[in-house]
């Protein structure tokens, strides 16, 4: 008997509805032996968009090979990419769907991301909550993270995959780098199979403890890129969240050319140590400095953890400034209000920029004169100081500060 004939059909549902829900919808599918498709819709915008929602529903069900079913939809302002993902989730849970994917209209891919691009802020977006995804780029983070891991309940992992896949396919995130945090391996490999065809810019790998985990992800990405004719880079950012991961930081940072950055997850790390996380960060200073050193040795970026108290902007500012002083180039954020504070914390001051520009000017003048020694006034400038100034000026220009 063919595999398709062995599937067990059952009633299933997906999505959310109710007074506190927005930009989402709930789908319930009840298989039946005959009678075709019976689709019912409840929506506050039915007079305006009801026909379009019903038309898309039938299109998606046809694509998925669903011929006989009773379908009930409660719409709360969902966009087409959400409608398609929710219907596909319910159809697959019901055992009715074929191998096709319910993809909405595709937006043009942004330019490929570069390995050394600005990553001051990366905004986490729960993979099952479309209301946070639609306008995320308007908040101006350097990157958005479509999260499939900690913010997603284990029973909703399938639903999150389809939503994230469709968001990558259909949502314009503007200038933001498009990141996806997959689940801890081996579940994360299933995430990759679903979302990689949509060419995210960077994959975050959680709870990395040894280089082999990164190699496994990198190898699968390479295979999927060939299979789906993807000719743009897809970078990696391992997240180190245990003592074992920190001890292996140097090997992890250098294990693959596609590693663009390494990050630390301090909630899990402090839990692994059995200590409380503090606003001063004394308990994680060893881990953070070791991670920075490993990143610099491998030529990749060091990215700090999130700051979990979204109400304490003063402490966030101090954390960000201390983080920059340690050598980090950015950190995560869990609320849009944190973004401008983080950007300010990681920005060089006007005095720093002015000094660096004077050093760079002296260096360029010495180069033009064919002089090997750089001097600024009565002071000789060592090559490492020149290099640091060049880096700072380049970073300031990327931030629009110089």
Protein backbone atom coordinates (compact mmCIF):
# COMPACT_ATOMS: atom_id res chain seq x y z
CA UNK A 1 0.00 0.00 0.00
CA UNK A 2 1.35 3.45 -0.88
CA UNK A 3 2.48 5.74 1.91
CA UNK A 4 -0.19 8.30 1.00
CA UNK A 5 -2.91 5.66 1.47
CA UNK A 6 -1.66 4.78 4.93
CA UNK A 7 -2.17 8.26 6.36
CA UNK A 8 -4.74 8.51 9.13
CA UNK A 9 -7.15 11.40 8.74
CA UNK A 10 -8.42 13.20 11.82
CA UNK A 11 -9.86 16.54 12.82
CA UNK A 12 -7.18 19.14 13.46
CA UNK A 13 -6.71 22.84 14.02
CA UNK A 14 -4.05 25.55 13.98
CA UNK A 15 -3.67 29.21 14.86
CA UNK A 16 -5.33 31.53 17.33
CA UNK A 17 -8.44 33.66 17.60
CA UNK A 18 -10.16 35.76 20.23
CA UNK A 19 -10.34 39.32 21.51
CA UNK A 20 -6.63 39.54 22.35
CA UNK A 21 -5.47 38.08 19.02
CA UNK A 22 -4.44 40.13 16.01
CA UNK A 23 -2.83 39.45 12.62
CA UNK A 24 -3.66 35.76 12.99
CA UNK A 25 -6.43 33.30 12.34
CA UNK A 26 -7.67 29.95 13.57
CA UNK A 27 -8.35 27.06 11.19
CA UNK A 28 -10.23 23.88 12.05
CA UNK A 29 -10.37 21.05 9.50
CA UNK A 30 -12.67 18.05 9.76
CA UNK A 31 -11.99 15.39 7.10
CA UNK A 32 -14.92 13.68 5.42
CA UNK A 33 -15.25 10.92 2.86
CA UNK A 34 -17.09 12.91 0.20
CA UNK A 35 -18.96 16.12 -0.43
CA UNK A 36 -16.08 18.33 -1.49
CA UNK A 37 -14.98 21.35 0.52
CA UNK A 38 -17.28 23.22 2.86
CA UNK A 39 -15.62 26.42 4.07
CA UNK A 40 -17.06 28.71 6.73
CA UNK A 41 -15.57 32.09 7.63
CA UNK A 42 -15.97 34.44 10.58
CA UNK A 43 -14.10 37.73 10.29
CA UNK A 44 -14.61 41.33 11.33
CA UNK A 45 -13.28 42.34 7.92
CA UNK A 46 -15.44 39.88 5.98
CA UNK A 47 -17.33 42.65 4.11
CA UNK A 48 -14.01 43.86 2.70
CA UNK A 49 -11.76 40.82 2.49
CA UNK A 50 -14.05 37.84 3.02
CA UNK A 51 -14.13 36.79 -0.64
CA UNK A 52 -10.32 37.06 -0.88
CA UNK A 53 -9.82 34.94 2.25
CA UNK A 54 -12.22 32.28 0.99
CA UNK A 55 -10.58 32.29 -2.43
CA UNK A 56 -7.12 31.87 -0.93
CA UNK A 57 -8.36 29.12 1.40
CA UNK A 58 -9.65 27.07 -1.50
CA UNK A 59 -6.44 27.70 -3.47
CA UNK A 60 -4.27 26.51 -0.58
CA UNK A 61 -6.40 23.43 0.02
CA UNK A 62 -6.24 22.60 -3.68
CA UNK A 63 -2.45 22.99 -3.67
CA UNK A 64 -2.23 20.64 -0.69
CA UNK A 65 -4.54 18.10 -2.33
CA UNK A 66 -7.37 18.44 0.19
CA UNK A 67 -10.61 17.54 -1.61
CA UNK A 68 -13.17 16.58 1.01
CA UNK A 69 -13.30 18.44 4.31
CA UNK A 70 -15.29 20.81 6.46
CA UNK A 71 -13.18 23.90 7.18
CA UNK A 72 -13.96 26.60 9.75
CA UNK A 73 -11.93 29.82 9.79
CA UNK A 74 -11.93 32.54 12.42
CA UNK A 75 -9.92 35.46 11.06
CA UNK A 76 -8.31 38.16 13.20
CA UNK A 77 -6.74 40.28 10.47
CA UNK A 78 -4.27 37.72 9.11
CA UNK A 79 -2.18 38.53 6.05
CA UNK A 80 -2.05 36.02 3.18
CA UNK A 81 1.27 34.47 4.29
CA UNK A 82 -0.24 33.73 7.71
CA UNK A 83 -3.45 32.35 6.22
CA UNK A 84 -1.48 29.97 4.03
CA UNK A 85 0.74 28.80 6.90
CA UNK A 86 -2.14 28.20 9.30
CA UNK A 87 -4.17 26.26 6.73
CA UNK A 88 -1.15 24.15 5.81
CA UNK A 89 -0.46 23.37 9.47
CA UNK A 90 -4.04 22.24 10.08
CA UNK A 91 -4.12 20.20 6.88
CA UNK A 92 -0.89 18.40 7.74
CA UNK A 93 -2.02 17.76 11.30
CA UNK A 94 -5.22 16.30 9.87
CA UNK A 95 -3.19 13.94 7.67
CA UNK A 96 -4.72 15.35 4.49
CA UNK A 97 -1.90 17.28 2.82
CA UNK A 98 0.38 16.15 0.02
CA UNK A 99 4.04 17.15 -0.26
CA UNK A 100 3.34 20.57 -1.82
CA UNK A 101 3.95 23.78 0.12
CA UNK A 102 1.42 26.54 0.58
CA UNK A 103 3.55 29.54 -0.34
CA UNK A 104 2.14 33.08 -0.71
CA UNK A 105 3.28 35.67 -3.23
CA UNK A 106 7.04 36.09 -3.02
CA UNK A 107 8.84 39.35 -2.33
CA UNK A 108 12.20 40.03 -3.94
CA UNK A 109 15.19 38.81 -1.95
CA UNK A 110 17.30 41.59 -0.45
CA UNK A 111 20.97 41.88 -1.33
CA UNK A 112 23.11 39.14 0.24
CA UNK A 113 24.37 39.82 3.73
CA UNK A 114 28.09 40.34 4.25
CA UNK A 115 30.11 38.48 6.85
CA UNK A 116 31.27 41.62 8.64
CA UNK A 117 28.09 43.71 8.45
CA UNK A 118 26.82 45.70 11.45
CA UNK A 119 25.15 43.47 14.03
CA UNK A 120 24.68 45.87 16.93
CA UNK A 121 21.11 44.74 17.58
CA UNK A 122 19.13 41.65 16.70
CA UNK A 123 15.44 41.62 17.62
CA UNK A 124 13.92 38.29 18.64
CA UNK A 125 10.47 37.54 17.16
CA UNK A 126 8.53 34.47 18.37
CA UNK A 127 7.99 32.21 15.38
CA UNK A 128 4.34 31.56 16.22
CA UNK A 129 3.31 35.21 16.69
CA UNK A 130 2.78 36.94 13.33
CA UNK A 131 1.64 40.17 15.01
CA UNK A 132 5.28 40.88 15.95
CA UNK A 133 6.72 39.95 12.56
CA UNK A 134 4.85 42.14 10.11
CA UNK A 135 6.27 45.53 11.15
CA UNK A 136 9.49 44.39 12.85
CA UNK A 137 11.72 46.07 10.29
CA UNK A 138 10.20 49.48 11.05
CA UNK A 139 11.86 49.49 14.48
CA UNK A 140 15.29 49.69 12.83
CA UNK A 141 17.24 46.77 14.31
CA UNK A 142 20.30 45.61 12.41
CA UNK A 143 18.73 42.13 12.31
CA UNK A 144 15.50 40.35 13.09
CA UNK A 145 15.52 36.82 14.47
CA UNK A 146 12.59 34.59 13.55
CA UNK A 147 12.75 32.25 16.51
CA UNK A 148 11.89 28.57 16.35
CA UNK A 149 13.46 27.64 19.70
CA UNK A 150 12.79 28.92 23.22
CA UNK A 151 9.83 31.17 22.41
CA UNK A 152 7.91 28.33 20.72
CA UNK A 153 5.99 25.68 22.69
CA UNK A 154 6.99 22.15 21.77
CA UNK A 155 3.49 21.45 20.44
CA UNK A 156 3.76 24.37 18.00
CA UNK A 157 7.14 23.64 16.41
CA UNK A 158 5.51 22.53 13.13
CA UNK A 159 3.29 25.60 12.98
CA UNK A 160 6.23 27.93 13.67
CA UNK A 161 8.24 26.39 10.83
CA UNK A 162 5.52 27.10 8.28
CA UNK A 163 4.99 30.65 9.56
CA UNK A 164 8.71 31.45 9.54
CA UNK A 165 9.16 29.90 6.11
CA UNK A 166 6.28 31.97 4.72
CA UNK A 167 7.51 35.14 6.45
CA UNK A 168 10.91 34.74 4.76
CA UNK A 169 9.07 34.20 1.48
CA UNK A 170 6.59 37.07 1.70
CA UNK A 171 7.60 39.75 4.25
CA UNK A 172 9.87 42.68 3.39
CA UNK A 173 12.07 43.31 6.42
CA UNK A 174 13.76 46.31 4.85
CA UNK A 175 17.44 46.73 5.68
CA UNK A 176 17.37 44.14 8.47
CA UNK A 177 19.48 41.01 8.23
CA UNK A 178 17.08 38.03 8.18
CA UNK A 179 18.13 35.55 10.86
CA UNK A 180 16.48 32.33 12.03
CA UNK A 181 17.22 30.61 15.32
CA UNK A 182 16.67 26.91 14.78
CA UNK A 183 16.05 24.39 17.54
CA UNK A 184 18.74 22.48 19.35
CA UNK A 185 20.02 19.59 17.26
CA UNK A 186 18.77 17.18 16.01
CA UNK A 187 15.37 18.94 15.80
CA UNK A 188 17.07 21.93 14.25
CA UNK A 189 17.88 19.89 11.14
CA UNK A 190 14.15 19.56 10.47
CA UNK A 191 13.89 23.35 10.74
CA UNK A 192 16.68 23.77 8.19
CA UNK A 193 14.98 21.49 5.69
CA UNK A 194 11.85 23.67 5.81
CA UNK A 195 13.27 27.18 5.92
CA UNK A 196 16.53 27.00 3.93
CA UNK A 197 14.84 27.12 0.51
CA UNK A 198 13.80 30.69 1.43
CA UNK A 199 17.47 31.74 1.80
CA UNK A 200 17.69 33.36 5.24
CA UNK A 201 20.82 35.44 5.72
CA UNK A 202 22.03 33.79 8.91
CA UNK A 203 21.25 30.76 11.05
CA UNK A 204 21.65 30.89 14.82
CA UNK A 205 22.53 27.52 16.34
CA UNK A 206 21.52 27.30 20.01
CA UNK A 207 23.30 25.48 22.83
CA UNK A 208 26.46 24.70 20.88
CA UNK A 209 28.99 22.79 22.97
CA UNK A 210 31.41 21.38 20.41
CA UNK A 211 32.53 22.19 16.83
CA UNK A 212 30.87 19.09 15.37
CA UNK A 213 27.43 20.59 15.90
CA UNK A 214 28.36 23.58 13.74
CA UNK A 215 29.90 21.32 11.11
CA UNK A 216 26.70 19.28 10.96
CA UNK A 217 24.59 22.38 10.33
CA UNK A 218 27.08 23.85 7.85
CA UNK A 219 27.16 20.60 5.86
CA UNK A 220 23.38 20.38 5.67
CA UNK A 221 23.11 24.01 4.56
CA UNK A 222 25.62 23.36 1.78
CA UNK A 223 23.59 20.39 0.58
CA UNK A 224 20.33 22.33 0.67
CA UNK A 225 21.85 25.27 -1.19
CA UNK A 226 22.86 22.97 -4.03
CA UNK A 227 19.48 21.24 -4.06
CA UNK A 228 17.56 24.53 -4.20
CA UNK A 229 20.01 26.47 -6.42
CA UNK A 230 20.87 29.06 -3.77
CA UNK A 231 23.99 30.98 -4.74
CA UNK A 232 24.23 33.46 -1.86
CA UNK A 233 25.99 33.10 1.49
CA UNK A 234 24.12 31.83 4.54
CA UNK A 235 26.12 32.69 7.64
CA UNK A 236 26.22 30.91 10.99
CA UNK A 237 26.13 32.25 14.55
CA UNK A 238 26.67 29.53 17.18
CA UNK A 239 25.25 30.44 20.60
CA UNK A 240 27.32 29.19 23.54
CA UNK A 241 25.12 28.58 26.57
CA UNK A 242 26.99 26.18 28.83
CA UNK A 243 30.35 25.90 30.53
CA UNK A 244 31.33 23.24 28.01
CA UNK A 245 30.49 25.53 25.13
CA UNK A 246 32.60 28.35 26.57
CA UNK A 247 35.56 26.02 27.09
CA UNK A 248 35.35 25.07 23.39
CA UNK A 249 34.76 28.65 22.17
CA UNK A 250 37.97 28.93 20.12
CA UNK A 251 37.37 25.67 18.24
CA UNK A 252 33.73 26.54 17.61
CA UNK A 253 34.54 30.03 16.29
CA UNK A 254 37.11 28.68 13.83
CA UNK A 255 35.41 25.48 12.70
CA UNK A 256 33.81 26.79 9.47
CA UNK A 257 34.33 29.67 7.07
CA UNK A 258 30.61 30.43 7.23
CA UNK A 259 30.73 31.27 10.94
CA UNK A 260 30.29 35.06 10.97
CA UNK A 261 29.88 35.52 14.71
CA UNK A 262 29.62 33.68 18.00
CA UNK A 263 27.26 34.68 20.76
CA UNK A 264 26.57 33.81 24.37
CA UNK A 265 23.24 32.97 25.99
CA UNK A 266 23.54 34.13 29.58
CA UNK A 267 20.24 32.85 30.95
CA UNK A 268 21.19 29.26 30.15
CA UNK A 269 24.86 29.81 30.96
CA UNK A 270 24.20 31.11 34.48
CA UNK A 271 21.69 28.31 35.01
CA UNK A 272 24.37 25.82 33.97
CA UNK A 273 26.70 27.37 36.55
CA UNK A 274 23.95 27.36 39.18
CA UNK A 275 24.29 31.10 39.84
CA UNK A 276 21.98 34.08 39.52
CA UNK A 277 22.41 36.50 36.65
CA UNK A 278 23.12 40.02 37.90
CA UNK A 279 23.00 43.46 36.30
CA UNK A 280 26.75 43.83 36.85
CA UNK A 281 27.58 40.55 35.12
CA UNK A 282 30.42 39.53 37.44
CA UNK A 283 29.29 35.90 37.31
CA UNK A 284 29.70 35.79 33.51
CA UNK A 285 32.79 37.96 33.04
CA UNK A 286 35.11 35.00 32.47
CA UNK A 287 32.79 33.47 29.87
CA UNK A 288 32.21 36.73 28.02
CA UNK A 289 35.89 37.70 27.85
CA UNK A 290 36.84 34.18 26.77
CA UNK A 291 34.21 34.30 24.02
CA UNK A 292 35.46 37.70 22.80
CA UNK A 293 39.04 36.45 22.69
CA UNK A 294 38.01 33.32 20.78
CA UNK A 295 36.03 35.40 18.28
CA UNK A 296 38.86 37.84 17.65
CA UNK A 297 41.35 34.99 17.23
CA UNK A 298 39.10 33.45 14.58
CA UNK A 299 38.36 36.76 12.85
CA UNK A 300 34.62 36.70 13.57
CA UNK A 301 32.29 38.96 15.53
CA UNK A 302 31.57 38.58 19.24
CA UNK A 303 27.89 39.20 20.03
CA UNK A 304 26.62 39.53 23.60
CA UNK A 305 23.47 38.06 25.13
CA UNK A 306 20.08 39.74 25.50
CA UNK A 307 19.29 41.96 28.48
CA UNK A 308 16.08 40.56 29.90
CA UNK A 309 14.76 43.48 31.98
CA UNK A 310 12.94 45.51 29.34
CA UNK A 311 11.88 48.19 31.84
CA UNK A 312 15.38 49.12 33.05
CA UNK A 313 16.88 51.18 30.24
CA UNK A 314 19.61 52.70 32.42
CA UNK A 315 21.00 49.27 33.29
CA UNK A 316 20.70 48.23 29.66
CA UNK A 317 22.76 51.26 28.63
CA UNK A 318 25.45 50.45 31.18
CA UNK A 319 25.47 46.79 30.12
CA UNK A 320 25.83 47.73 26.47
CA UNK A 321 28.67 50.18 27.16
CA UNK A 322 30.52 47.60 29.26
CA UNK A 323 29.88 45.02 26.57
CA UNK A 324 31.43 47.25 23.92
CA UNK A 325 34.40 47.92 26.21
CA UNK A 326 34.99 44.15 26.47
CA UNK A 327 35.12 43.84 22.67
CA UNK A 328 31.57 42.81 21.79
CA UNK A 329 30.10 44.30 18.62
CA UNK A 330 26.41 43.95 19.48
CA UNK A 331 23.82 42.15 21.55
CA UNK A 332 20.34 40.71 21.36
CA UNK A 333 17.11 42.47 22.27
CA UNK A 334 13.66 41.23 23.17
CA UNK A 335 11.73 44.49 22.84
CA UNK A 336 11.86 47.23 20.18
CA UNK A 337 12.38 49.89 22.87
CA UNK A 338 15.80 48.42 23.58
CA UNK A 339 17.09 49.01 20.04
CA UNK A 340 17.99 52.74 20.20
CA UNK A 341 19.57 52.28 23.65
CA UNK A 342 21.75 49.45 22.34
CA UNK A 343 22.73 51.39 19.23
CA UNK A 344 23.79 54.34 21.36
CA UNK A 345 25.74 52.10 23.74
CA UNK A 346 27.72 50.50 20.91
CA UNK A 347 28.40 53.76 19.09
CA UNK A 348 31.80 55.45 19.48
CA UNK A 349 31.65 58.89 21.06
CA UNK A 350 32.23 62.08 19.09
CA UNK A 351 35.59 62.48 20.83
CA UNK A 352 36.61 58.92 19.91
CA UNK A 353 35.65 59.48 16.28
CA UNK A 354 37.51 62.80 16.09
CA UNK A 355 40.68 61.31 17.55
CA UNK A 356 40.50 58.28 15.26
CA UNK A 357 39.98 60.52 12.22
CA UNK A 358 43.06 62.55 13.11
CA UNK A 359 45.11 59.34 13.44
CA UNK A 360 43.78 58.06 10.11
CA UNK A 361 44.58 61.41 8.50
CA UNK A 362 48.14 61.28 9.82
CA UNK A 363 48.47 57.71 8.57
CA UNK A 364 47.23 58.61 5.08
CA UNK A 365 49.58 61.60 4.95
CA UNK A 366 52.53 59.39 5.93
CA UNK A 367 51.53 56.90 3.22
CA UNK A 368 51.41 59.63 0.59
CA UNK A 369 54.85 60.89 1.63
CA UNK A 370 56.28 57.37 1.65
CA UNK A 371 57.12 57.64 5.34
CA UNK A 372 56.90 54.46 7.42
CA UNK A 373 56.53 56.24 10.75
CA UNK A 374 53.19 57.85 11.63
CA UNK A 375 53.21 60.81 13.94
CA UNK A 376 50.48 63.03 15.32
CA UNK A 377 51.91 66.27 16.65
CA UNK A 378 54.82 65.27 18.85
CA UNK A 379 53.58 61.70 19.38
CA UNK A 380 54.57 58.62 17.42
CA UNK A 381 51.62 56.40 16.52
CA UNK A 382 52.20 52.64 16.69
CA UNK A 383 50.73 50.43 13.92
CA UNK A 384 48.18 48.75 16.27
CA UNK A 385 46.84 52.20 17.20
CA UNK A 386 46.50 53.07 13.52
CA UNK A 387 44.65 49.82 12.85
CA UNK A 388 42.29 50.44 15.75
CA UNK A 389 41.59 53.94 14.44
CA UNK A 390 40.92 52.65 10.93
CA UNK A 391 38.48 50.08 12.34
CA UNK A 392 36.69 52.66 14.48
CA UNK A 393 36.31 55.13 11.61
CA UNK A 394 34.97 52.42 9.30
CA UNK A 395 32.49 51.32 11.96
CA UNK A 396 31.42 54.92 12.60
CA UNK A 397 30.80 55.41 8.87
CA UNK A 398 28.70 52.23 8.78
CA UNK A 399 26.61 53.66 11.63
CA UNK A 400 26.22 56.99 9.82
CA UNK A 401 28.24 58.82 12.47
CA UNK A 402 31.20 59.90 10.34
